[in-house]
Amino acid sequence: MKYKFILASSSARRKDLLDQIGVVPDEIIAADIDESPLKNELPRDYVVRVANEKALKVSENYKDDIVLAADTAVSCGRRILPKCESDEQVRMCMKLLSGRQHSVYSAVCVASPVGVSRKIVATKVKFKSLSRQEIAEYIKTGEGIGKAGGYAIQGMAATFVKNINGSYSSVVGLPLYEVKNILNGIGYGK
């Protein structure tokens, strides 16, 4: 039996990342859930919960198919940085991340007729110290809007990264190594 593959995300980056490993969604359906962090929720727990809720919400209507959902959060310590909606939020994130190491957590949840599989990936990213001018120029690009932590590592923010320890694709929004292993494990694409 051929299963439909559903990407439970409206993120163009996640679709592009799946394209890199030859996985083309049959449908793309954004899960309508509340993505607000719970009080005192740790970043790792937050991304696992949100990815799980997205996958389960969409799979309600696709029980016989494969539904992949993911969530990514940028954190400084226990603080979850916002998915920036304004230049001011991007500025706040850039000031906070300047000269510091931070964590990027990505969780993947795949719901299928075989069951539910989950993976979490933690990546450490260190930014150089940013000048006011660098922050202002970055804000002008508009790249940080709609991005967790106010930056896109695959764009101009790549010039801020001193080092990265972990999964680059996870920081972009989808840990491809883990996704491919989950899909292979449930027999997708074979």
N, C-alpha and C. Protein backbone atom coordinates (compact mmCIF):
# COMPACT_ATOMS: atom_id res chain seq x y z
N MET A 1 0.84 -1.19 0.00
CA MET A 1 0.00 0.00 0.00
C MET A 1 0.88 1.24 0.00
N LYS A 2 0.55 2.20 -0.85
CA LYS A 2 1.30 3.46 -0.90
C LYS A 2 0.61 4.46 0.00
N TYR A 3 1.40 4.98 0.93
CA TYR A 3 0.89 6.00 1.84
C TYR A 3 1.11 7.37 1.23
N LYS A 4 0.19 8.29 1.55
CA LYS A 4 0.44 9.69 1.21
C LYS A 4 1.38 10.25 2.27
N PHE A 5 2.24 11.17 1.83
CA PHE A 5 3.16 11.83 2.75
C PHE A 5 2.67 13.26 2.94
N ILE A 6 2.33 13.60 4.18
CA ILE A 6 1.80 14.92 4.51
C ILE A 6 2.83 15.68 5.34
N LEU A 7 3.17 16.87 4.90
CA LEU A 7 4.02 17.76 5.70
C LEU A 7 3.10 18.68 6.48
N ALA A 8 3.12 18.56 7.80
CA ALA A 8 2.26 19.36 8.66
C ALA A 8 2.99 20.65 9.03
N SER A 9 3.22 21.48 8.02
CA SER A 9 3.95 22.73 8.23
C SER A 9 3.74 23.63 7.03
N SER A 10 3.67 24.92 7.28
CA SER A 10 3.57 25.88 6.18
C SER A 10 4.94 26.47 5.87
N SER A 11 5.99 25.94 6.49
CA SER A 11 7.34 26.47 6.32
C SER A 11 7.94 26.08 4.97
N ALA A 12 8.26 27.08 4.17
CA ALA A 12 8.91 26.82 2.88
C ALA A 12 10.28 26.20 3.10
N ARG A 13 10.95 26.58 4.20
CA ARG A 13 12.27 26.00 4.49
C ARG A 13 12.18 24.51 4.71
N ARG A 14 11.16 24.05 5.42
CA ARG A 14 11.04 22.60 5.68
C ARG A 14 10.77 21.85 4.38
N LYS A 15 9.96 22.41 3.51
CA LYS A 15 9.71 21.75 2.22
C LYS A 15 11.01 21.68 1.42
N ASP A 16 11.76 22.77 1.38
CA ASP A 16 13.03 22.80 0.65
C ASP A 16 14.03 21.79 1.23
N LEU A 17 14.07 21.67 2.55
CA LEU A 17 14.97 20.71 3.17
C LEU A 17 14.57 19.28 2.81
N LEU A 18 13.28 18.98 2.81
CA LEU A 18 12.82 17.65 2.40
C LEU A 18 13.21 17.37 0.95
N ASP A 19 13.10 18.39 0.10
CA ASP A 19 13.51 18.25 -1.30
C ASP A 19 14.96 17.79 -1.40
N GLN A 20 15.82 18.27 -0.50
CA GLN A 20 17.24 17.92 -0.53
C GLN A 20 17.47 16.42 -0.35
N ILE A 21 16.55 15.75 0.35
CA ILE A 21 16.71 14.30 0.56
C ILE A 21 15.73 13.50 -0.29
N GLY A 22 15.15 14.16 -1.29
CA GLY A 22 14.29 13.46 -2.23
C GLY A 22 12.91 13.10 -1.71
N VAL A 23 12.46 13.79 -0.69
CA VAL A 23 11.13 13.54 -0.13
C VAL A 23 10.22 14.69 -0.54
N VAL A 24 9.21 14.36 -1.32
CA VAL A 24 8.28 15.37 -1.82
C VAL A 24 6.90 15.11 -1.21
N PRO A 25 6.41 16.06 -0.41
CA PRO A 25 5.09 15.87 0.21
C PRO A 25 3.99 15.77 -0.84
N ASP A 26 3.03 14.87 -0.59
CA ASP A 26 1.84 14.80 -1.43
C ASP A 26 0.92 15.98 -1.11
N GLU A 27 0.95 16.38 0.16
CA GLU A 27 0.16 17.53 0.60
C GLU A 27 0.92 18.28 1.68
N ILE A 28 0.66 19.57 1.76
CA ILE A 28 1.22 20.41 2.83
C ILE A 28 0.03 21.02 3.56
N ILE A 29 -0.05 20.72 4.86
CA ILE A 29 -1.19 21.17 5.66
C ILE A 29 -0.66 21.74 6.97
N ALA A 30 -0.84 23.02 7.17
CA ALA A 30 -0.40 23.63 8.43
C ALA A 30 -1.35 23.23 9.54
N ALA A 31 -0.80 22.81 10.66
CA ALA A 31 -1.61 22.43 11.81
C ALA A 31 -2.06 23.70 12.54
N ASP A 32 -3.33 23.77 12.84
CA ASP A 32 -3.87 24.92 13.54
C ASP A 32 -3.86 24.62 15.04
N ILE A 33 -2.73 24.96 15.68
CA ILE A 33 -2.60 24.75 17.13
C ILE A 33 -2.06 26.02 17.76
N ASP A 34 -2.20 26.10 19.07
CA ASP A 34 -1.63 27.21 19.83
C ASP A 34 -0.16 26.86 20.11
N GLU A 35 0.75 27.67 19.58
CA GLU A 35 2.19 27.40 19.75
C GLU A 35 2.81 28.21 20.88
N SER A 36 2.00 28.76 21.74
CA SER A 36 2.53 29.54 22.86
C SER A 36 3.21 28.63 23.87
N PRO A 37 4.40 29.01 24.35
CA PRO A 37 5.05 28.20 25.39
C PRO A 37 4.20 28.20 26.67
N LEU A 38 4.20 27.08 27.36
CA LEU A 38 3.51 26.98 28.64
C LEU A 38 4.38 27.63 29.72
N LYS A 39 3.76 28.01 30.80
CA LYS A 39 4.51 28.65 31.90
C LYS A 39 5.61 27.71 32.38
N ASN A 40 6.83 28.24 32.47
CA ASN A 40 8.03 27.51 32.93
C ASN A 40 8.42 26.33 32.05
N GLU A 41 7.90 26.28 30.82
CA GLU A 41 8.24 25.17 29.92
C GLU A 41 9.66 25.35 29.39
N LEU A 42 10.45 24.31 29.48
CA LEU A 42 11.82 24.34 28.99
C LEU A 42 11.82 24.24 27.46
N PRO A 43 12.82 24.83 26.80
CA PRO A 43 12.85 24.83 25.32
C PRO A 43 12.76 23.43 24.71
N ARG A 44 13.48 22.47 25.25
CA ARG A 44 13.45 21.10 24.73
C ARG A 44 12.03 20.52 24.83
N ASP A 45 11.40 20.69 25.97
CA ASP A 45 10.05 20.17 26.17
C ASP A 45 9.05 20.88 25.25
N TYR A 46 9.27 22.17 25.06
CA TYR A 46 8.39 22.97 24.22
C TYR A 46 8.36 22.44 22.78
N VAL A 47 9.54 22.25 22.17
CA VAL A 47 9.56 21.82 20.77
C VAL A 47 9.00 20.42 20.59
N VAL A 48 9.25 19.54 21.56
CA VAL A 48 8.69 18.18 21.49
C VAL A 48 7.17 18.25 21.56
N ARG A 49 6.65 19.03 22.49
CA ARG A 49 5.19 19.14 22.63
C ARG A 49 4.54 19.71 21.37
N VAL A 50 5.11 20.79 20.85
CA VAL A 50 4.51 21.45 19.69
C VAL A 50 4.58 20.56 18.44
N ALA A 51 5.72 19.92 18.20
CA ALA A 51 5.83 19.02 17.04
C ALA A 51 4.83 17.88 17.16
N ASN A 52 4.71 17.33 18.35
CA ASN A 52 3.77 16.23 18.61
C ASN A 52 2.32 16.68 18.36
N GLU A 53 1.96 17.85 18.90
CA GLU A 53 0.59 18.36 18.72
C GLU A 53 0.28 18.61 17.25
N LYS A 54 1.25 19.16 16.51
CA LYS A 54 1.04 19.41 15.08
C LYS A 54 0.79 18.10 14.33
N ALA A 55 1.64 17.11 14.57
CA ALA A 55 1.51 15.83 13.87
C ALA A 55 0.19 15.16 14.20
N LEU A 56 -0.16 15.13 15.47
CA LEU A 56 -1.39 14.45 15.87
C LEU A 56 -2.64 15.17 15.38
N LYS A 57 -2.58 16.50 15.36
CA LYS A 57 -3.73 17.29 14.86
C LYS A 57 -3.99 16.98 13.39
N VAL A 58 -2.96 17.02 12.57
CA VAL A 58 -3.13 16.77 11.13
C VAL A 58 -3.46 15.30 10.87
N SER A 59 -2.85 14.40 11.64
CA SER A 59 -3.08 12.97 11.40
C SER A 59 -4.50 12.54 11.76
N GLU A 60 -5.24 13.36 12.50
CA GLU A 60 -6.64 13.03 12.79
C GLU A 60 -7.41 12.77 11.50
N ASN A 61 -7.07 13.52 10.44
CA ASN A 61 -7.76 13.37 9.15
C ASN A 61 -6.99 12.52 8.15
N TYR A 62 -5.81 12.01 8.58
CA TYR A 62 -4.96 11.22 7.67
C TYR A 62 -4.38 10.01 8.42
N LYS A 63 -5.25 9.25 9.07
CA LYS A 63 -4.80 8.14 9.92
C LYS A 63 -4.06 7.06 9.14
N ASP A 64 -4.35 6.90 7.85
CA ASP A 64 -3.72 5.85 7.05
C ASP A 64 -2.52 6.35 6.26
N ASP A 65 -2.05 7.53 6.60
CA ASP A 65 -0.95 8.14 5.85
C ASP A 65 0.19 8.51 6.81
N ILE A 66 1.25 9.08 6.25
CA ILE A 66 2.41 9.50 7.03
C ILE A 66 2.36 11.02 7.17
N VAL A 67 2.37 11.49 8.41
CA VAL A 67 2.33 12.92 8.69
C VAL A 67 3.60 13.30 9.43
N LEU A 68 4.35 14.23 8.87
CA LEU A 68 5.58 14.72 9.50
C LEU A 68 5.37 16.15 9.96
N ALA A 69 5.68 16.39 11.22
CA ALA A 69 5.63 17.75 11.78
C ALA A 69 6.94 18.02 12.50
N ALA A 70 7.28 19.28 12.61
CA ALA A 70 8.51 19.67 13.30
C ALA A 70 8.31 21.02 13.96
N ASP A 71 9.18 21.29 14.92
CA ASP A 71 9.20 22.61 15.53
C ASP A 71 10.63 22.92 15.93
N THR A 72 10.99 24.18 15.83
CA THR A 72 12.34 24.63 16.16
C THR A 72 12.24 25.84 17.08
N ALA A 73 13.09 25.86 18.10
CA ALA A 73 13.15 27.00 19.01
C ALA A 73 14.60 27.35 19.29
N VAL A 74 14.84 28.64 19.41
CA VAL A 74 16.15 29.16 19.78
C VAL A 74 16.05 29.57 21.24
N SER A 75 17.07 29.18 22.02
CA SER A 75 17.02 29.55 23.44
C SER A 75 18.36 30.04 23.94
N CYS A 76 18.27 30.96 24.88
CA CYS A 76 19.42 31.41 25.66
C CYS A 76 19.13 30.92 27.06
N GLY A 77 19.87 29.91 27.49
CA GLY A 77 19.56 29.30 28.78
C GLY A 77 18.18 28.68 28.72
N ARG A 78 17.35 29.02 29.67
CA ARG A 78 15.99 28.46 29.73
C ARG A 78 14.99 29.32 28.96
N ARG A 79 15.45 30.45 28.46
CA ARG A 79 14.56 31.41 27.79
C ARG A 79 14.35 31.04 26.33
N ILE A 80 13.10 30.89 25.93
CA ILE A 80 12.74 30.61 24.54
C ILE A 80 12.58 31.95 23.83
N LEU A 81 13.39 32.16 22.80
CA LEU A 81 13.29 33.42 22.05
C LEU A 81 12.09 33.35 21.11
N PRO A 82 11.50 34.49 20.80
CA PRO A 82 10.29 34.47 19.98
C PRO A 82 10.56 34.17 18.50
N LYS A 83 9.51 33.76 17.82
CA LYS A 83 9.50 33.77 16.36
C LYS A 83 9.16 35.22 16.03
N CYS A 84 10.16 35.96 15.59
CA CYS A 84 10.05 37.42 15.54
C CYS A 84 8.99 37.90 14.54
N GLU A 85 8.21 38.86 15.02
CA GLU A 85 7.16 39.46 14.21
C GLU A 85 7.41 40.93 13.92
N SER A 86 8.50 41.48 14.46
CA SER A 86 8.79 42.90 14.26
C SER A 86 10.30 43.13 14.26
N ASP A 87 10.69 44.27 13.70
CA ASP A 87 12.10 44.65 13.72
C ASP A 87 12.61 44.77 15.15
N GLU A 88 11.76 45.26 16.04
CA GLU A 88 12.17 45.43 17.43
C GLU A 88 12.46 44.08 18.09
N GLN A 89 11.66 43.07 17.77
CA GLN A 89 11.93 41.73 18.31
C GLN A 89 13.25 41.18 17.75
N VAL A 90 13.50 41.40 16.45
CA VAL A 90 14.75 40.95 15.84
C VAL A 90 15.92 41.64 16.54
N ARG A 91 15.82 42.96 16.77
CA ARG A 91 16.87 43.71 17.45
C ARG A 91 17.14 43.13 18.85
N MET A 92 16.07 42.86 19.58
CA MET A 92 16.20 42.30 20.94
C MET A 92 16.93 40.95 20.88
N CYS A 93 16.56 40.10 19.93
CA CYS A 93 17.21 38.78 19.81
C CYS A 93 18.68 38.93 19.42
N MET A 94 18.97 39.80 18.47
CA MET A 94 20.36 39.97 18.03
C MET A 94 21.24 40.49 19.16
N LYS A 95 20.71 41.42 19.95
CA LYS A 95 21.46 41.94 21.09
C LYS A 95 21.72 40.83 22.11
N LEU A 96 20.72 40.00 22.34
CA LEU A 96 20.84 38.91 23.30
C LEU A 96 21.83 37.84 22.82
N LEU A 97 21.81 37.55 21.52
CA LEU A 97 22.67 36.49 20.97
C LEU A 97 24.09 36.96 20.69
N SER A 98 24.30 38.26 20.60
CA SER A 98 25.60 38.83 20.28
C SER A 98 26.69 38.35 21.24
N GLY A 99 27.75 37.75 20.68
CA GLY A 99 28.88 37.31 21.46
C GLY A 99 28.63 36.11 22.35
N ARG A 100 27.48 35.45 22.17
CA ARG A 100 27.11 34.35 23.08
C ARG A 100 26.84 33.06 22.32
N GLN A 101 26.92 32.00 23.07
CA GLN A 101 26.49 30.71 22.56
C GLN A 101 25.03 30.53 22.94
N HIS A 102 24.26 29.95 22.04
CA HIS A 102 22.87 29.65 22.33
C HIS A 102 22.53 28.26 21.81
N SER A 103 21.38 27.77 22.18
CA SER A 103 20.94 26.44 21.74
C SER A 103 19.78 26.57 20.78
N VAL A 104 19.79 25.69 19.79
CA VAL A 104 18.67 25.57 18.86
C VAL A 104 18.15 24.14 19.00
N TYR A 105 16.89 24.03 19.36
CA TYR A 105 16.26 22.72 19.52
C TYR A 105 15.27 22.51 18.38
N SER A 106 15.37 21.35 17.74
CA SER A 106 14.39 20.96 16.73
C SER A 106 13.84 19.60 17.09
N ALA A 107 12.53 19.49 17.07
CA ALA A 107 11.86 18.21 17.30
C ALA A 107 11.11 17.81 16.04
N VAL A 108 11.14 16.52 15.76
CA VAL A 108 10.40 15.96 14.63
C VAL A 108 9.46 14.92 15.19
N CYS A 109 8.24 14.91 14.67
CA CYS A 109 7.26 13.89 15.05
C CYS A 109 6.65 13.36 13.76
N VAL A 110 6.68 12.04 13.60
CA VAL A 110 6.08 11.39 12.43
C VAL A 110 4.99 10.45 12.93
N ALA A 111 3.76 10.73 12.51
CA ALA A 111 2.63 9.86 12.82
C ALA A 111 2.30 9.06 11.57
N SER A 112 2.19 7.75 11.74
CA SER A 112 1.91 6.87 10.59
C SER A 112 1.09 5.69 11.08
N PRO A 113 0.63 4.84 10.17
CA PRO A 113 -0.11 3.64 10.59
C PRO A 113 0.75 2.72 11.48
N VAL A 114 2.07 2.86 11.40
CA VAL A 114 2.98 2.06 12.21
C VAL A 114 3.04 2.55 13.66
N GLY A 115 2.74 3.83 13.86
CA GLY A 115 2.82 4.43 15.19
C GLY A 115 3.35 5.84 15.11
N VAL A 116 3.83 6.35 16.23
CA VAL A 116 4.36 7.71 16.30
C VAL A 116 5.84 7.63 16.66
N SER A 117 6.67 8.31 15.87
CA SER A 117 8.11 8.37 16.13
C SER A 117 8.50 9.81 16.38
N ARG A 118 9.39 10.01 17.36
CA ARG A 118 9.84 11.36 17.70
C ARG A 118 11.35 11.39 17.85
N LYS A 119 11.93 12.51 17.45
CA LYS A 119 13.36 12.75 17.65
C LYS A 119 13.53 14.21 18.03
N ILE A 120 14.54 14.46 18.86
CA ILE A 120 14.89 15.83 19.22
C ILE A 120 16.38 16.03 18.98
N VAL A 121 16.72 17.19 18.47
CA VAL A 121 18.10 17.51 18.18
C VAL A 121 18.44 18.85 18.84
N ALA A 122 19.56 18.87 19.55
CA ALA A 122 20.04 20.10 20.16
C ALA A 122 21.34 20.51 19.48
N THR A 123 21.41 21.74 19.03
CA THR A 123 22.60 22.26 18.36
C THR A 123 23.04 23.53 19.07
N LYS A 124 24.33 23.64 19.29
CA LYS A 124 24.90 24.85 19.91
C LYS A 124 25.44 25.75 18.80
N VAL A 125 25.08 27.02 18.86
CA VAL A 125 25.54 28.01 17.88
C VAL A 125 26.15 29.17 18.66
N LYS A 126 27.33 29.62 18.21
CA LYS A 126 27.95 30.79 18.86
C LYS A 126 28.06 31.92 17.85
N PHE A 127 27.50 33.07 18.22
CA PHE A 127 27.58 34.28 17.41
C PHE A 127 28.80 35.10 17.83
N LYS A 128 29.37 35.81 16.88
CA LYS A 128 30.40 36.80 17.19
C LYS A 128 29.71 37.98 17.87
N SER A 129 30.49 38.88 18.43
CA SER A 129 29.92 40.11 18.99
C SER A 129 29.47 40.99 17.84
N LEU A 130 28.25 41.46 17.91
CA LEU A 130 27.66 42.25 16.83
C LEU A 130 27.64 43.73 17.19
N SER A 131 28.02 44.55 16.23
CA SER A 131 27.96 45.99 16.43
C SER A 131 26.52 46.46 16.19
N ARG A 132 26.23 47.66 16.65
CA ARG A 132 24.90 48.25 16.38
C ARG A 132 24.65 48.32 14.89
N GLN A 133 25.67 48.69 14.13
CA GLN A 133 25.54 48.81 12.68
C GLN A 133 25.22 47.46 12.04
N GLU A 134 25.91 46.40 12.48
CA GLU A 134 25.64 45.06 11.94
C GLU A 134 24.20 44.63 12.23
N ILE A 135 23.75 44.91 13.44
CA ILE A 135 22.37 44.57 13.80
C ILE A 135 21.39 45.37 12.94
N ALA A 136 21.64 46.67 12.79
CA ALA A 136 20.76 47.52 11.98
C ALA A 136 20.73 47.06 10.53
N GLU A 137 21.88 46.70 9.98
CA GLU A 137 21.94 46.23 8.59
C GLU A 137 21.20 44.89 8.44
N TYR A 138 21.33 44.04 9.44
CA TYR A 138 20.63 42.75 9.38
C TYR A 138 19.12 42.96 9.43
N ILE A 139 18.69 43.85 10.29
CA ILE A 139 17.25 44.13 10.39
C ILE A 139 16.71 44.62 9.05
N LYS A 140 17.48 45.45 8.34
CA LYS A 140 17.05 45.97 7.03
C LYS A 140 16.80 44.86 6.01
N THR A 141 17.47 43.71 6.16
CA THR A 141 17.28 42.61 5.20
C THR A 141 15.88 42.01 5.33
N GLY A 142 15.26 42.15 6.50
CA GLY A 142 13.94 41.55 6.74
C GLY A 142 14.00 40.06 6.98
N GLU A 143 15.20 39.51 6.95
CA GLU A 143 15.40 38.07 7.07
C GLU A 143 14.94 37.49 8.40
N GLY A 144 15.03 38.26 9.46
CA GLY A 144 14.71 37.75 10.79
C GLY A 144 13.23 37.64 11.10
N ILE A 145 12.41 38.29 10.28
CA ILE A 145 10.96 38.26 10.52
C ILE A 145 10.43 36.85 10.22
N GLY A 146 9.65 36.33 11.18
CA GLY A 146 9.07 35.00 11.03
C GLY A 146 10.02 33.87 11.40
N LYS A 147 11.21 34.22 11.89
CA LYS A 147 12.20 33.20 12.22
C LYS A 147 12.37 33.09 13.75
N ALA A 148 12.51 31.85 14.20
CA ALA A 148 12.78 31.62 15.62
C ALA A 148 14.12 32.26 15.97
N GLY A 149 14.13 33.06 17.02
CA GLY A 149 15.36 33.73 17.45
C GLY A 149 15.74 34.91 16.58
N GLY A 150 14.93 35.21 15.58
CA GLY A 150 15.15 36.41 14.76
C GLY A 150 16.24 36.30 13.72
N TYR A 151 16.66 35.06 13.36
CA TYR A 151 17.69 34.96 12.33
C TYR A 151 17.52 33.72 11.47
N ALA A 152 18.08 33.82 10.27
CA ALA A 152 18.10 32.70 9.33
C ALA A 152 19.57 32.34 9.08
N ILE A 153 20.01 31.20 9.61
CA ILE A 153 21.41 30.81 9.49
C ILE A 153 21.79 30.58 8.03
N GLN A 154 20.81 30.27 7.18
CA GLN A 154 21.08 30.02 5.76
C GLN A 154 21.15 31.31 4.96
N GLY A 155 21.02 32.45 5.63
CA GLY A 155 21.08 33.74 4.95
C GLY A 155 22.25 34.57 5.46
N MET A 156 22.01 35.87 5.55
CA MET A 156 23.05 36.81 5.98
C MET A 156 23.57 36.52 7.40
N ALA A 157 22.74 35.94 8.24
CA ALA A 157 23.17 35.64 9.61
C ALA A 157 24.30 34.62 9.65
N ALA A 158 24.54 33.93 8.55
CA ALA A 158 25.66 32.98 8.49
C ALA A 158 26.98 33.69 8.81
N THR A 159 27.05 34.98 8.50
CA THR A 159 28.29 35.73 8.76
C THR A 159 28.49 36.05 10.24
N PHE A 160 27.46 35.80 11.06
CA PHE A 160 27.56 36.04 12.50
C PHE A 160 28.05 34.80 13.25
N VAL A 161 28.00 33.63 12.61
CA VAL A 161 28.25 32.36 13.29
C VAL A 161 29.75 32.08 13.40
N LYS A 162 30.25 32.08 14.63
CA LYS A 162 31.66 31.73 14.87
C LYS A 162 31.84 30.22 14.81
N ASN A 163 30.90 29.50 15.42
CA ASN A 163 30.95 28.04 15.33
C ASN A 163 29.58 27.44 15.59
N ILE A 164 29.48 26.20 15.15
CA ILE A 164 28.23 25.45 15.32
C ILE A 164 28.61 24.03 15.72
N ASN A 165 27.92 23.52 16.71
CA ASN A 165 28.17 22.16 17.17
C ASN A 165 26.84 21.42 17.13
N GLY A 166 26.65 20.64 16.06
CA GLY A 166 25.41 19.91 15.90
C GLY A 166 24.96 19.91 14.46
N SER A 167 23.67 19.93 14.27
CA SER A 167 23.06 19.78 12.95
C SER A 167 22.72 21.13 12.31
N TYR A 168 23.37 21.42 11.20
CA TYR A 168 23.07 22.66 10.47
C TYR A 168 21.62 22.65 9.99
N SER A 169 21.17 21.53 9.39
CA SER A 169 19.80 21.50 8.84
C SER A 169 18.76 21.66 9.95
N SER A 170 19.11 21.23 11.16
CA SER A 170 18.21 21.41 12.29
C SER A 170 18.04 22.89 12.62
N VAL A 171 19.13 23.65 12.53
CA VAL A 171 19.06 25.09 12.80
C VAL A 171 18.22 25.77 11.72
N VAL A 172 18.31 25.28 10.48
CA VAL A 172 17.49 25.83 9.40
C VAL A 172 16.01 25.51 9.66
N GLY A 173 15.74 24.35 10.28
CA GLY A 173 14.35 24.04 10.62
C GLY A 173 13.93 22.58 10.56
N LEU A 174 14.85 21.67 10.12
CA LEU A 174 14.46 20.26 10.04
C LEU A 174 15.72 19.39 10.06
N PRO A 175 15.91 18.59 11.09
CA PRO A 175 17.11 17.74 11.17
C PRO A 175 17.00 16.57 10.19
N LEU A 176 17.67 16.71 9.04
CA LEU A 176 17.50 15.76 7.94
C LEU A 176 17.99 14.35 8.26
N TYR A 177 19.08 14.24 8.98
CA TYR A 177 19.58 12.91 9.34
C TYR A 177 18.51 12.14 10.11
N GLU A 178 17.92 12.77 11.11
CA GLU A 178 16.90 12.12 11.93
C GLU A 178 15.64 11.83 11.12
N VAL A 179 15.23 12.77 10.27
CA VAL A 179 14.03 12.57 9.44
C VAL A 179 14.21 11.35 8.54
N LYS A 180 15.36 11.29 7.87
CA LYS A 180 15.62 10.16 6.95
C LYS A 180 15.61 8.84 7.71
N ASN A 181 16.20 8.81 8.90
CA ASN A 181 16.21 7.58 9.69
C ASN A 181 14.81 7.16 10.13
N ILE A 182 13.99 8.12 10.54
CA ILE A 182 12.61 7.79 10.92
C ILE A 182 11.87 7.22 9.70
N LEU A 183 11.97 7.90 8.56
CA LEU A 183 11.25 7.46 7.36
C LEU A 183 11.73 6.09 6.90
N ASN A 184 13.04 5.85 6.96
CA ASN A 184 13.56 4.53 6.61
C ASN A 184 13.02 3.47 7.59
N GLY A 185 12.95 3.83 8.85
CA GLY A 185 12.48 2.91 9.89
C GLY A 185 11.05 2.47 9.73
N ILE A 186 10.22 3.32 9.14
CA ILE A 186 8.81 2.94 8.93
C ILE A 186 8.57 2.44 7.51
N GLY A 187 9.66 2.33 6.75
CA GLY A 187 9.55 1.75 5.40
C GLY A 187 9.09 2.73 4.32
N TYR A 188 9.15 4.04 4.61
CA TYR A 188 8.72 5.00 3.59
C TYR A 188 9.80 5.13 2.50
N GLY A 189 9.36 5.10 1.26
CA GLY A 189 10.27 5.28 0.14
C GLY A 189 10.98 4.02 -0.31
N LYS A 190 10.61 2.90 0.28
CA LYS A 190 11.28 1.65 -0.09
C LYS A 190 10.43 0.87 -1.05
